[in-house]
Amino acid sequence: MAVVWRPPPTFFDEQHHLRAVFNLGAGVDALLALPTLPPDVPVFRLEDAGMSRALAEYALAAVLRVYRRFDRYALSQSAHRWQPETLPARERYAWA
């Protein structure tokens, strides 16, 4: 068995006794396009597997990083400075 996400193109050349491949990504198109994928090995896409919540949290973290200006705070911290940042008005953003 192999549990993969975007394996290198030569991955399946090295696997001689596979019985199944489980893809961790949202789709299997890239996996099925690999010419070295054995045609007789079944491929399974893990449905959700908790990914929807993790992706929502990742998206939220990215939005908050930009909106709360965490990059600027990190630079200030590394320079041993503290200066509060003024947040832009939420109305500027489509998600507000």
Protein backbone atom coordinates (compact mmCIF):
# COMPACT_ATOMS: atom_id res chain seq x y z
CA MET A 1 0.00 0.00 0.00
CA ALA A 2 1.13 3.54 -0.67
CA VAL A 3 -0.30 6.72 0.79
CA VAL A 4 0.86 9.57 -1.43
CA TRP A 5 0.43 13.20 -2.25
CA ARG A 6 2.21 14.43 -5.37
CA PRO A 7 4.78 11.63 -5.53
CA PRO A 8 7.85 12.15 -7.70
CA PRO A 9 7.48 10.82 -11.26
CA THR A 10 9.81 7.88 -10.56
CA PHE A 11 8.06 6.80 -7.34
CA PHE A 12 6.19 3.90 -8.92
CA ASP A 13 9.30 2.61 -10.68
CA GLU A 14 10.62 1.70 -7.22
CA GLN A 15 7.42 0.04 -5.94
CA HIS A 16 7.07 -3.50 -7.25
CA HIS A 17 4.46 -5.05 -4.94
CA LEU A 18 1.81 -2.37 -4.58
CA ARG A 19 -1.72 -3.52 -3.88
CA ALA A 20 -3.36 -0.08 -3.64
CA VAL A 21 -2.55 3.63 -3.78
CA PHE A 22 -4.31 6.13 -1.51
CA ASN A 23 -4.06 9.74 -2.63
CA LEU A 24 -4.09 12.40 0.09
CA GLY A 25 -4.87 15.28 -2.28
CA ALA A 26 -8.29 16.53 -3.25
CA GLY A 27 -8.14 14.94 -6.72
CA VAL A 28 -6.33 12.11 -8.47
CA ASP A 29 -5.79 13.66 -11.92
CA ALA A 30 -2.08 14.36 -11.42
CA LEU A 31 -1.56 10.89 -9.97
CA LEU A 32 -3.35 9.20 -12.87
CA ALA A 33 -1.26 11.21 -15.35
CA LEU A 34 1.98 9.62 -14.11
CA PRO A 35 3.14 7.18 -16.79
CA THR A 36 4.77 4.94 -14.19
CA LEU A 37 1.55 4.33 -12.22
CA PRO A 38 0.86 0.59 -12.60
CA PRO A 39 -2.42 0.14 -14.51
CA ASP A 40 -3.51 -2.84 -12.39
CA VAL A 41 -3.20 -1.10 -8.99
CA PRO A 42 -6.41 0.49 -7.67
CA VAL A 43 -6.23 4.17 -6.77
CA PHE A 44 -8.34 5.60 -3.96
CA ARG A 45 -9.00 9.22 -3.19
CA LEU A 46 -9.43 9.81 0.52
CA GLU A 47 -12.67 11.74 0.81
CA ASP A 48 -12.15 14.70 3.06
CA ALA A 49 -10.09 12.82 5.69
CA GLY A 50 -10.40 15.96 7.77
CA MET A 51 -9.01 18.12 4.99
CA SER A 52 -11.98 20.49 4.74
CA ARG A 53 -11.56 21.70 8.30
CA ALA A 54 -7.78 21.94 7.94
CA LEU A 55 -8.10 23.88 4.67
CA ALA A 56 -10.64 26.26 6.22
CA GLU A 57 -8.29 26.88 9.14
CA TYR A 58 -5.37 27.42 6.76
CA ALA A 59 -7.40 29.94 4.75
CA LEU A 60 -8.46 31.73 7.94
CA ALA A 61 -4.85 31.89 9.12
CA ALA A 62 -3.76 33.38 5.78
CA VAL A 63 -6.49 36.03 5.90
CA LEU A 64 -5.70 36.94 9.50
CA ARG A 65 -1.97 37.08 8.74
CA VAL A 66 -2.61 39.73 6.08
CA TYR A 67 -5.35 41.64 7.88
CA ARG A 68 -3.62 41.71 11.29
CA ARG A 69 -0.28 42.51 9.61
CA PHE A 70 1.58 39.71 11.32
CA ASP A 71 4.43 40.00 8.78
CA ARG A 72 5.13 43.56 9.91
CA TYR A 73 4.99 42.57 13.56
CA ALA A 74 7.48 39.75 12.91
CA LEU A 75 9.89 42.20 11.26
CA SER A 76 9.51 44.63 14.14
CA GLN A 77 10.09 41.86 16.64
CA SER A 78 13.30 40.75 14.92
CA ALA A 79 14.49 44.39 15.01
CA HIS A 80 13.63 44.60 18.73
CA ARG A 81 11.04 47.28 18.04
CA TRP A 82 7.47 47.60 19.13
CA GLN A 83 5.17 49.79 17.14
CA PRO A 84 1.45 49.09 16.93
CA GLU A 85 0.11 48.75 13.42
CA THR A 86 -3.06 50.49 12.31
CA LEU A 87 -5.47 47.98 10.84
CA PRO A 88 -7.19 48.81 7.57
CA ALA A 89 -10.95 49.19 7.66
CA ARG A 90 -12.65 45.82 7.32
CA GLU A 91 -14.99 47.30 4.73
CA ARG A 92 -12.06 47.35 2.29
CA TYR A 93 -12.27 43.59 2.06
CA ALA A 94 -14.93 41.58 0.24
CA TRP A 95 -15.01 39.02 3.07
CA ALA A 96 -16.00 41.56 5.74
